[in-house]
Protein backbone atom coordinates (compact mmCIF):
# COMPACT_ATOMS: atom_id res chain seq x y z
CA ALA A 1 89.77 74.51 92.70
CA ARG A 2 91.16 77.92 93.51
CA ARG A 3 92.96 79.51 90.54
CA ALA A 4 94.33 82.88 89.56
CA PRO A 5 91.39 85.05 88.40
CA ALA A 6 93.22 87.20 85.82
CA SER A 7 90.83 89.87 84.45
CA PHE A 8 87.81 88.25 86.12
CA ALA A 9 88.71 90.74 88.79
CA LYS A 10 87.70 93.51 86.41
CA ILE A 11 84.08 92.35 86.74
CA ALA A 12 84.24 93.07 90.46
CA LEU A 13 85.91 96.37 89.77
CA ALA A 14 83.16 97.36 87.32
CA VAL A 15 80.42 96.45 89.76
CA THR A 16 82.16 98.30 92.60
CA ALA A 17 82.53 101.43 90.47
CA LEU A 18 78.80 101.42 89.54
CA GLU A 19 77.80 100.91 93.16
CA TYR A 20 79.66 104.05 94.23
CA ALA A 21 79.49 106.30 91.18
CA ASN A 22 77.15 107.31 88.36
CA SER A 23 77.97 106.02 84.87
CA ASP A 24 77.94 109.59 83.49
CA GLU A 25 80.44 110.81 86.04
CA ARG A 26 83.59 112.14 84.42
CA ILE A 27 86.96 110.72 85.50
CA LYS A 28 90.36 112.31 84.92
CA VAL A 29 92.95 109.92 83.64
CA PRO A 30 95.94 109.71 86.05
CA GLU A 31 99.61 109.76 85.18
CA ASP A 32 100.25 106.14 86.09
CA VAL A 33 98.18 104.77 83.14
CA LEU A 34 101.43 104.99 81.18
CA ALA A 35 103.11 102.47 83.44
CA GLN A 36 100.49 99.74 83.02
CA PRO A 37 101.28 96.51 81.16
CA SER A 38 99.41 95.37 78.04
CA PRO A 39 96.63 95.24 77.17
CA ARG A 40 96.18 99.04 77.16
CA VAL A 41 93.75 101.25 75.35
CA GLY A 42 96.20 104.12 75.11
CA LEU A 43 94.57 106.56 77.50
CA VAL A 44 96.31 109.90 77.81
CA PRO A 45 96.99 111.37 81.29
CA GLY A 46 94.92 114.47 81.95
CA GLU A 47 92.08 113.71 79.56
CA SER A 48 88.57 113.12 80.96
CA LEU A 49 86.17 110.34 80.12
CA SER A 50 82.87 109.18 81.53
CA LEU A 51 82.79 106.08 83.73
CA ARG A 52 80.56 104.53 81.06
CA ASP A 53 83.24 104.91 78.33
CA LEU A 54 85.92 103.67 80.72
CA LEU A 55 83.83 100.55 81.47
CA TYR A 56 83.76 99.78 77.74
CA ALA A 57 87.54 100.21 77.71
CA LEU A 58 87.86 97.97 80.78
CA LEU A 59 85.58 95.13 79.65
CA LEU A 60 86.01 94.86 75.83
CA PRO A 61 89.79 95.05 75.26
CA SER A 62 90.46 94.51 78.99
CA GLY A 63 92.40 97.76 79.25
CA ASN A 64 94.64 97.86 82.25
CA ASP A 65 94.97 101.64 81.84
CA ALA A 66 91.16 101.88 82.04
CA ALA A 67 91.29 99.89 85.31
CA VAL A 68 93.75 102.37 86.82
CA ALA A 69 91.61 105.30 85.74
CA ILE A 70 88.47 103.73 87.23
CA VAL A 71 90.26 103.06 90.51
CA ALA A 72 91.49 106.65 90.62
CA GLY A 73 87.98 107.92 89.93
CA THR A 74 86.38 105.70 92.61
CA GLY A 75 88.90 106.20 95.41
CA ASP A 76 92.36 104.77 95.82
CA HIS A 77 93.73 101.27 95.44
CA ALA A 78 93.16 100.25 99.07
CA TYR A 79 89.64 101.72 99.09
CA VAL A 80 88.60 99.92 95.89
CA VAL A 81 90.07 96.57 96.96
CA ASP A 82 88.19 96.93 100.28
CA LYS A 83 84.91 97.59 98.41
CA MET A 84 85.56 94.59 96.17
CA LYS A 85 86.03 92.51 99.31
CA ILE A 86 82.66 93.70 100.58
CA LEU A 87 81.09 92.65 97.26
CA VAL A 88 82.66 89.22 97.52
CA GLU A 89 81.39 88.75 101.05
CA ARG A 90 77.88 89.95 100.14
CA LEU A 91 77.70 87.37 97.32
CA GLY A 92 78.97 84.62 99.62
CA LEU A 93 81.97 83.84 97.48
CA LYS A 94 83.98 81.85 100.02
CA ASP A 95 86.73 80.86 97.57
CA THR A 96 87.42 84.29 96.08
CA ARG A 97 89.89 86.97 97.14
CA PHE A 98 90.95 89.94 95.02
CA VAL A 99 94.18 91.87 95.61
CA SER A 100 94.58 93.59 92.26
CA PRO A 101 91.52 95.42 90.80
CA ALA A 102 92.92 94.69 87.29
CA GLY A 103 93.58 91.04 88.07
CA PHE A 104 97.39 91.07 87.84
CA ASP A 105 98.92 87.94 89.33
CA ALA A 106 99.38 88.50 93.09
CA GLU A 107 100.02 86.38 96.13
CA ASP A 108 96.88 85.09 97.88
CA GLN A 109 94.53 86.17 95.04
CA TYR A 110 92.17 83.55 93.69
CA THR A 111 88.67 82.55 92.61
CA THR A 112 86.91 79.39 91.39
CA ALA A 113 84.85 78.65 88.30
CA TYR A 114 81.69 78.55 90.45
CA ASP A 115 82.44 81.84 92.26
CA ALA A 116 83.27 83.54 88.93
CA ALA A 117 79.94 82.42 87.48
CA VAL A 118 78.06 83.82 90.53
CA LEU A 119 79.99 87.14 90.25
CA ALA A 120 79.29 87.44 86.50
CA THR A 121 75.62 86.56 86.84
CA ASP A 122 75.17 89.15 89.59
CA ALA A 123 76.89 91.82 87.50
CA MET A 124 74.72 91.16 84.45
CA ASP A 125 71.47 90.84 86.41
CA ARG A 126 71.87 93.93 88.59
CA PHE A 127 73.47 96.25 86.03
CA PRO A 128 71.89 96.28 82.57
CA LEU A 129 74.67 98.55 81.40
CA LEU A 130 77.28 95.81 82.10
CA ALA A 131 75.18 93.21 80.27
CA GLU A 132 75.00 95.63 77.31
CA ILE A 133 78.80 96.27 77.40
CA VAL A 134 79.93 92.67 77.57
CA SER A 135 77.64 91.71 74.65
CA THR A 136 79.11 94.49 72.43
CA ARG A 137 81.57 93.42 69.72
CA THR A 138 83.08 96.83 68.96
CA TYR A 139 82.63 100.28 70.43
CA VAL A 140 83.93 103.72 69.56
CA ILE A 141 84.53 106.35 72.20
CA PRO A 142 83.97 109.53 70.24
CA GLU A 143 86.49 112.35 70.23
CA ARG A 144 85.50 115.28 72.43
CA SER A 145 87.16 118.43 73.67
CA HIS A 146 88.44 116.56 76.76
CA ASN A 147 89.38 113.21 75.21
CA ARG A 148 90.69 111.43 72.10
CA SER A 149 88.69 108.92 70.10
CA TYR A 150 89.27 105.23 70.87
CA SER A 151 88.19 102.18 68.86
CA LEU A 152 87.59 99.17 71.07
CA LYS A 153 87.20 95.49 70.21
CA ASN A 154 85.87 92.77 72.50
CA LEU A 155 88.42 90.01 73.11
CA ASN A 156 85.62 87.42 73.51
CA GLU A 157 85.84 85.63 70.12
CA LEU A 158 82.56 83.80 70.69
CA LEU A 159 80.66 87.01 70.13
CA TRP A 160 81.57 86.67 66.43
CA SER A 161 81.44 82.89 66.08
CA TYR A 162 78.87 81.40 68.50
CA ASP A 163 75.14 81.66 67.85
CA GLY A 164 73.44 83.41 70.72
CA ALA A 165 76.61 84.53 72.52
CA THR A 166 75.94 87.35 75.00
CA GLY A 167 79.30 87.85 76.89
CA MET A 168 80.99 87.76 79.42
CA LYS A 169 84.72 88.27 80.17
CA THR A 170 88.16 87.07 79.09
CA GLY A 171 91.29 86.97 81.23
CA THR A 172 94.93 85.98 80.67
CA THR A 173 98.03 86.08 82.88
CA GLY A 174 101.12 83.95 83.24
CA GLU A 175 99.77 82.27 86.32
CA ALA A 176 96.16 82.00 85.28
CA GLY A 177 96.60 80.83 81.70
CA GLN A 178 93.57 81.53 79.49
CA ASN A 179 90.34 82.26 81.36
CA LEU A 180 86.91 82.89 79.94
CA ILE A 181 83.41 83.35 81.27
CA ALA A 182 81.10 82.73 78.32
CA SER A 183 77.30 83.21 78.25
CA ALA A 184 74.80 82.49 75.50
CA THR A 185 71.03 82.36 75.01
CA ARG A 186 69.13 80.04 72.63
CA ASN A 187 65.37 79.37 72.45
CA GLY A 188 64.76 81.15 75.73
CA HIS A 189 67.47 79.25 77.61
CA SER A 190 70.52 81.04 79.00
CA LEU A 191 73.73 79.24 79.83
CA MET A 192 77.04 80.38 81.34
CA VAL A 193 80.25 78.37 81.40
CA VAL A 194 83.59 79.26 83.03
CA VAL A 195 86.95 78.07 81.66
CA MET A 196 90.09 78.59 83.72
CA GLY A 197 93.70 77.60 83.03
CA SER A 198 92.98 76.77 79.40
CA THR A 199 95.26 76.75 76.35
CA ASP A 200 92.29 77.31 74.02
CA ARG A 201 89.55 79.05 75.99
CA THR A 202 87.31 79.77 72.99
CA GLU A 203 87.14 76.17 71.84
CA ASP A 204 86.76 74.86 75.41
CA ALA A 205 83.90 77.26 76.12
CA ARG A 206 82.24 76.42 72.80
CA THR A 207 82.37 72.70 73.69
CA LEU A 208 80.84 73.27 77.10
CA LEU A 209 78.08 75.53 75.79
CA ASP A 210 77.20 72.94 73.06
CA PHE A 211 77.02 70.26 75.68
CA GLY A 212 74.75 72.38 77.84
CA PHE A 213 72.35 73.26 75.04
CA ARG A 214 72.23 69.61 73.85
CA ALA A 215 71.37 68.55 77.43
CA ILE A 216 68.50 71.14 77.63
CA GLN A 217 67.19 69.96 74.22
CA ALA A 218 67.30 66.34 75.29
CA GLN A 219 65.21 67.13 78.34
CA GLY A 220 62.49 68.45 76.08
């Protein structure tokens, strides 16, 4: 079923940014970060951060101001959405369409649990940096001459409470409800589950992961 993707779109934004820019490239924070809705990291217009640091701000606390900064550093809104469309087509995601790089509710924007899993798997397989970021519980962007210090916390609660959790991305909007892509590895087996439209995404994902690992164990 097609559903609102919420911040699953940020995975496609992160992949697009890394396909067209180096992670060490510095990006100047634009003025319109101040107009973005929560969650925000608190980026200050005019400061400069590396794409790597902005990806941490995008994927851990799901900062909408980080999304705007990455879009500005990659091109403009239309350019980035077009590149996200190319990514979707290349992965064969026939039930996915992104309109907002940050995943804000928008008309004719959607994905499915299956497509979201394919997108997330591709991101983690092709970009070790993204796999490292989404498995990180907390991260501090150090203060430098051109930026403030920022303390970031991953919104994926399973990283603290589920044995073997490795990522991947949360998402919440009014239209989407609670979304969560959750991945975990145990005894050499890796699983990924996708929860969409939930009222308790953490518990739902935990239940699905437990079911999957029990099924693998039963198979011997």
